[in-house]
Amino acid sequence: MGYRNHQQIKELISSYMDGEADEKQKKIVEIHLKECPECQREFEEMKKLEEVMGQMELKKPPKETWQVYWSSVYNRLERRIGWILFSIGAIILLFFGGYKAVEGIIQDQTTPLLLKVGILAAMAGLAVLLVSILRERLFVRKRERYEEVEK
């Protein structure tokens, strides 16, 4: 493997610094570093950067920050569960109300089964759509940023 291309050597230097170069590649890098001042400078800069990065410590956030974060997570989770349960309950109530409205048609023995299934499916779909639209409108209204902006 001939590493005559300067860019290939620079890539090898990165592997060398990361400890990923094999013995042959290490020797090629070491020989090249002795002969090339540009790569020597780059190698030294990379070593300094690695040194500085090794000394850096992440600042630990105060306990209050974590308490606020977890409280926020729990609140959002509770709200989502609440909305899911509310949505399911509203869908059931709407469907039941719709069923009661067409109960005579559904219980009529002369009404074809396909028509009954179609009516029930349409009512279920309508209940889901109504709850979905209501929920979306509530969320959009709370988050509408540009409602005061005139068109």
C-alpha atoms as a PDB file:
ATOM      1  CA  MET A   1       0.000   0.000   0.000  1.00  0.00           C
ATOM      2  CA  GLY A   2       1.863   3.106  -1.159  1.00  0.00           C
ATOM      3  CA  TYR A   3       0.988   6.190   0.892  1.00  0.00           C
ATOM      4  CA  ARG A   4       2.588   8.781  -1.346  1.00  0.00           C
ATOM      5  CA  ASN A   5      -0.495  10.999  -1.379  1.00  0.00           C
ATOM      6  CA  HIS A   6      -0.194  13.698   1.304  1.00  0.00           C
ATOM      7  CA  GLN A   7      -3.954  13.543   2.039  1.00  0.00           C
ATOM      8  CA  GLN A   8      -3.696   9.805   2.711  1.00  0.00           C
ATOM      9  CA  ILE A   9      -0.917  10.483   5.217  1.00  0.00           C
ATOM     10  CA  LYS A  10      -3.063  13.094   6.976  1.00  0.00           C
ATOM     11  CA  GLU A  11      -5.877  10.553   7.277  1.00  0.00           C
ATOM     12  CA  LEU A  12      -3.396   8.028   8.654  1.00  0.00           C
ATOM     13  CA  ILE A  13      -2.269  10.588  11.237  1.00  0.00           C
ATOM     14  CA  SER A  14      -5.840  10.766  12.501  1.00  0.00           C
ATOM     15  CA  SER A  15      -6.002   6.959  12.745  1.00  0.00           C
ATOM     16  CA  TYR A  16      -2.576   6.984  14.420  1.00  0.00           C
ATOM     17  CA  MET A  17      -3.763   9.439  17.078  1.00  0.00           C
ATOM     18  CA  ASP A  18      -6.943   7.441  17.695  1.00  0.00           C
ATOM     19  CA  GLY A  19      -4.925   4.237  18.134  1.00  0.00           C
ATOM     20  CA  GLU A  20      -6.580   2.632  15.135  1.00  0.00           C
ATOM     21  CA  ALA A  21      -3.494   2.349  12.877  1.00  0.00           C
ATOM     22  CA  ASP A  22      -1.779  -1.016  12.436  1.00  0.00           C
ATOM     23  CA  GLU A  23       2.003  -1.400  12.889  1.00  0.00           C
ATOM     24  CA  LYS A  24       2.818  -0.754   9.220  1.00  0.00           C
ATOM     25  CA  GLN A  25       0.682   2.400   9.181  1.00  0.00           C
ATOM     26  CA  LYS A  26       2.261   3.613  12.455  1.00  0.00           C
ATOM     27  CA  LYS A  27       5.751   3.315  10.936  1.00  0.00           C
ATOM     28  CA  ILE A  28       4.656   5.170   7.785  1.00  0.00           C
ATOM     29  CA  VAL A  29       3.218   8.007   9.906  1.00  0.00           C
ATOM     30  CA  GLU A  30       6.274   8.213  12.173  1.00  0.00           C
ATOM     31  CA  ILE A  31       8.657   8.347   9.204  1.00  0.00           C
ATOM     32  CA  HIS A  32       6.508  10.953   7.454  1.00  0.00           C
ATOM     33  CA  LEU A  33       6.274  13.117  10.590  1.00  0.00           C
ATOM     34  CA  LYS A  34      10.091  13.237  10.776  1.00  0.00           C
ATOM     35  CA  GLU A  35      10.272  14.436   7.172  1.00  0.00           C
ATOM     36  CA  CYS A  36       7.241  16.780   6.851  1.00  0.00           C
ATOM     37  CA  PRO A  37       7.076  20.000   8.902  1.00  0.00           C
ATOM     38  CA  GLU A  38       3.462  20.673   7.813  1.00  0.00           C
ATOM     39  CA  CYS A  39       2.249  17.323   9.144  1.00  0.00           C
ATOM     40  CA  GLN A  40       4.376  17.755  12.279  1.00  0.00           C
ATOM     41  CA  ARG A  41       2.545  21.026  13.010  1.00  0.00           C
ATOM     42  CA  GLU A  42      -0.831  19.425  12.337  1.00  0.00           C
ATOM     43  CA  PHE A  43       0.068  16.464  14.539  1.00  0.00           C
ATOM     44  CA  GLU A  44       1.104  18.788  17.385  1.00  0.00           C
ATOM     45  CA  GLU A  45      -2.098  20.823  17.031  1.00  0.00           C
ATOM     46  CA  MET A  46      -4.162  17.642  17.133  1.00  0.00           C
ATOM     47  CA  LYS A  47      -2.304  16.503  20.274  1.00  0.00           C
ATOM     48  CA  LYS A  48      -2.933  19.876  21.951  1.00  0.00           C
ATOM     49  CA  LEU A  49      -6.598  19.770  21.009  1.00  0.00           C
ATOM     50  CA  GLU A  50      -6.923  16.237  22.354  1.00  0.00           C
ATOM     51  CA  GLU A  51      -5.200  17.336  25.562  1.00  0.00           C
ATOM     52  CA  VAL A  52      -7.534  20.309  26.013  1.00  0.00           C
ATOM     53  CA  MET A  53     -10.580  18.176  25.251  1.00  0.00           C
ATOM     54  CA  GLY A  54      -9.420  15.615  27.813  1.00  0.00           C
ATOM     55  CA  GLN A  55      -9.222  18.306  30.499  1.00  0.00           C
ATOM     56  CA  MET A  56     -12.667  19.713  29.794  1.00  0.00           C
ATOM     57  CA  GLU A  57     -15.447  18.856  32.206  1.00  0.00           C
ATOM     58  CA  LEU A  58     -19.109  19.241  31.626  1.00  0.00           C
ATOM     59  CA  LYS A  59     -20.791  21.566  34.063  1.00  0.00           C
ATOM     60  CA  LYS A  60     -23.296  19.696  36.190  1.00  0.00           C
ATOM     61  CA  PRO A  61     -26.683  21.388  36.266  1.00  0.00           C
ATOM     62  CA  PRO A  62     -28.084  22.286  39.689  1.00  0.00           C
ATOM     63  CA  LYS A  63     -30.579  19.950  41.364  1.00  0.00           C
ATOM     64  CA  GLU A  64     -33.387  22.434  40.727  1.00  0.00           C
ATOM     65  CA  THR A  65     -32.849  22.132  36.982  1.00  0.00           C
ATOM     66  CA  TRP A  66     -33.269  18.360  37.144  1.00  0.00           C
ATOM     67  CA  GLN A  67     -36.361  18.679  39.353  1.00  0.00           C
ATOM     68  CA  VAL A  68     -37.973  21.091  36.889  1.00  0.00           C
ATOM     69  CA  TYR A  69     -37.024  18.824  33.979  1.00  0.00           C
ATOM     70  CA  TRP A  70     -38.491  15.652  35.494  1.00  0.00           C
ATOM     71  CA  SER A  71     -41.561  17.499  36.726  1.00  0.00           C
ATOM     72  CA  SER A  72     -42.109  18.746  33.181  1.00  0.00           C
ATOM     73  CA  VAL A  73     -41.693  15.231  31.769  1.00  0.00           C
ATOM     74  CA  TYR A  74     -44.220  13.797  34.222  1.00  0.00           C
ATOM     75  CA  ASN A  75     -46.677  16.630  33.560  1.00  0.00           C
ATOM     76  CA  ARG A  76     -46.497  16.122  29.799  1.00  0.00           C
ATOM     77  CA  LEU A  77     -46.893  12.360  30.220  1.00  0.00           C
ATOM     78  CA  GLU A  78     -49.892  12.806  32.524  1.00  0.00           C
ATOM     79  CA  ARG A  79     -51.506  15.249  30.090  1.00  0.00           C
ATOM     80  CA  ARG A  80     -51.018  12.905  27.158  1.00  0.00           C
ATOM     81  CA  ILE A  81     -52.521  10.001  29.062  1.00  0.00           C
ATOM     82  CA  GLY A  82     -55.380  12.269  30.144  1.00  0.00           C
ATOM     83  CA  TRP A  83     -56.028  13.330  26.542  1.00  0.00           C
ATOM     84  CA  ILE A  84     -55.935   9.734  25.346  1.00  0.00           C
ATOM     85  CA  LEU A  85     -58.446   8.644  27.993  1.00  0.00           C
ATOM     86  CA  PHE A  86     -60.613  11.702  27.349  1.00  0.00           C
ATOM     87  CA  SER A  87     -60.552  11.013  23.605  1.00  0.00           C
ATOM     88  CA  ILE A  88     -61.478   7.358  24.061  1.00  0.00           C
ATOM     89  CA  GLY A  89     -64.308   8.306  26.438  1.00  0.00           C
ATOM     90  CA  ALA A  90     -65.640  10.986  24.079  1.00  0.00           C
ATOM     91  CA  ILE A  91     -65.507   8.590  21.131  1.00  0.00           C
ATOM     92  CA  ILE A  92     -67.415   5.952  23.086  1.00  0.00           C
ATOM     93  CA  LEU A  93     -70.050   8.476  24.205  1.00  0.00           C
ATOM     94  CA  LEU A  94     -70.479   9.902  20.697  1.00  0.00           C
ATOM     95  CA  PHE A  95     -70.710   6.432  19.222  1.00  0.00           C
ATOM     96  CA  PHE A  96     -73.232   5.347  21.845  1.00  0.00           C
ATOM     97  CA  GLY A  97     -75.303   8.480  21.249  1.00  0.00           C
ATOM     98  CA  GLY A  98     -75.205   7.867  17.515  1.00  0.00           C
ATOM     99  CA  TYR A  99     -76.133   4.230  18.023  1.00  0.00           C
ATOM    100  CA  LYS A 100     -79.130   5.222  20.115  1.00  0.00           C
ATOM    101  CA  ALA A 101     -80.200   7.631  17.351  1.00  0.00           C
ATOM    102  CA  VAL A 102     -80.214   4.861  14.725  1.00  0.00           C
ATOM    103  CA  GLU A 103     -81.053   1.969  17.044  1.00  0.00           C
ATOM    104  CA  GLY A 104     -84.392   1.403  15.307  1.00  0.00           C
ATOM    105  CA  ILE A 105     -82.688   0.916  11.943  1.00  0.00           C
ATOM    106  CA  ILE A 106     -80.006  -1.359  13.403  1.00  0.00           C
ATOM    107  CA  GLN A 107     -82.528  -3.596  15.204  1.00  0.00           C
ATOM    108  CA  ASP A 108     -84.900  -3.784  12.244  1.00  0.00           C
ATOM    109  CA  GLN A 109     -84.715  -7.325  10.849  1.00  0.00           C
ATOM    110  CA  THR A 110     -85.441  -6.136   7.295  1.00  0.00           C
ATOM    111  CA  THR A 111     -82.429  -3.791   7.165  1.00  0.00           C
ATOM    112  CA  PRO A 112     -79.558  -5.496   5.288  1.00  0.00           C
ATOM    113  CA  LEU A 113     -76.509  -6.406   7.388  1.00  0.00           C
ATOM    114  CA  LEU A 114     -74.169  -4.465   5.092  1.00  0.00           C
ATOM    115  CA  LEU A 115     -76.194  -1.285   5.674  1.00  0.00           C
ATOM    116  CA  LYS A 116     -76.053  -1.819   9.431  1.00  0.00           C
ATOM    117  CA  VAL A 117     -72.272  -2.304   9.335  1.00  0.00           C
ATOM    118  CA  GLY A 118     -71.911   0.774   7.119  1.00  0.00           C
ATOM    119  CA  ILE A 119     -73.978   2.930   9.492  1.00  0.00           C
ATOM    120  CA  LEU A 120     -71.987   1.751  12.526  1.00  0.00           C
ATOM    121  CA  ALA A 121     -68.642   2.283  10.728  1.00  0.00           C
ATOM    122  CA  ALA A 122     -69.680   5.776   9.624  1.00  0.00           C
ATOM    123  CA  MET A 123     -70.733   6.664  13.173  1.00  0.00           C
ATOM    124  CA  ALA A 124     -67.471   5.361  14.627  1.00  0.00           C
ATOM    125  CA  GLY A 125     -65.472   7.305  12.032  1.00  0.00           C
ATOM    126  CA  LEU A 126     -67.474  10.448  12.667  1.00  0.00           C
ATOM    127  CA  ALA A 127     -66.949  10.148  16.428  1.00  0.00           C
ATOM    128  CA  VAL A 128     -63.178   9.753  15.968  1.00  0.00           C
ATOM    129  CA  LEU A 129     -63.032  12.681  13.529  1.00  0.00           C
ATOM    130  CA  LEU A 130     -65.043  14.977  15.795  1.00  0.00           C
ATOM    131  CA  VAL A 131     -62.825  14.250  18.807  1.00  0.00           C
ATOM    132  CA  SER A 132     -59.697  14.613  16.681  1.00  0.00           C
ATOM    133  CA  ILE A 133     -60.788  17.964  15.232  1.00  0.00           C
ATOM    134  CA  LEU A 134     -61.851  19.273  18.649  1.00  0.00           C
ATOM    135  CA  ARG A 135     -58.538  18.239  20.183  1.00  0.00           C
ATOM    136  CA  GLU A 136     -56.549  19.766  17.315  1.00  0.00           C
ATOM    137  CA  ARG A 137     -58.463  23.050  17.500  1.00  0.00           C
ATOM    138  CA  LEU A 138     -57.809  23.297  21.243  1.00  0.00           C
ATOM    139  CA  PHE A 139     -54.076  22.756  20.770  1.00  0.00           C
ATOM    140  CA  VAL A 140     -53.784  25.075  17.769  1.00  0.00           C
ATOM    141  CA  ARG A 141     -55.655  27.863  19.531  1.00  0.00           C
ATOM    142  CA  LYS A 142     -53.272  27.678  22.493  1.00  0.00           C
ATOM    143  CA  ARG A 143     -50.221  27.739  20.251  1.00  0.00           C
ATOM    144  CA  GLU A 144     -51.356  30.166  17.556  1.00  0.00           C
ATOM    145  CA  ARG A 145     -48.450  32.603  17.328  1.00  0.00           C
ATOM    146  CA  TYR A 146     -49.717  34.911  14.627  1.00  0.00           C
ATOM    147  CA  GLU A 147     -53.393  35.321  15.446  1.00  0.00           C
ATOM    148  CA  GLU A 148     -53.003  39.095  15.935  1.00  0.00           C
ATOM    149  CA  VAL A 149     -51.148  39.520  12.632  1.00  0.00           C
ATOM    150  CA  GLU A 150     -53.342  41.025   9.938  1.00  0.00           C
ATOM    151  CA  LYS A 151     -53.316  39.480   6.504  1.00  0.00           C
END
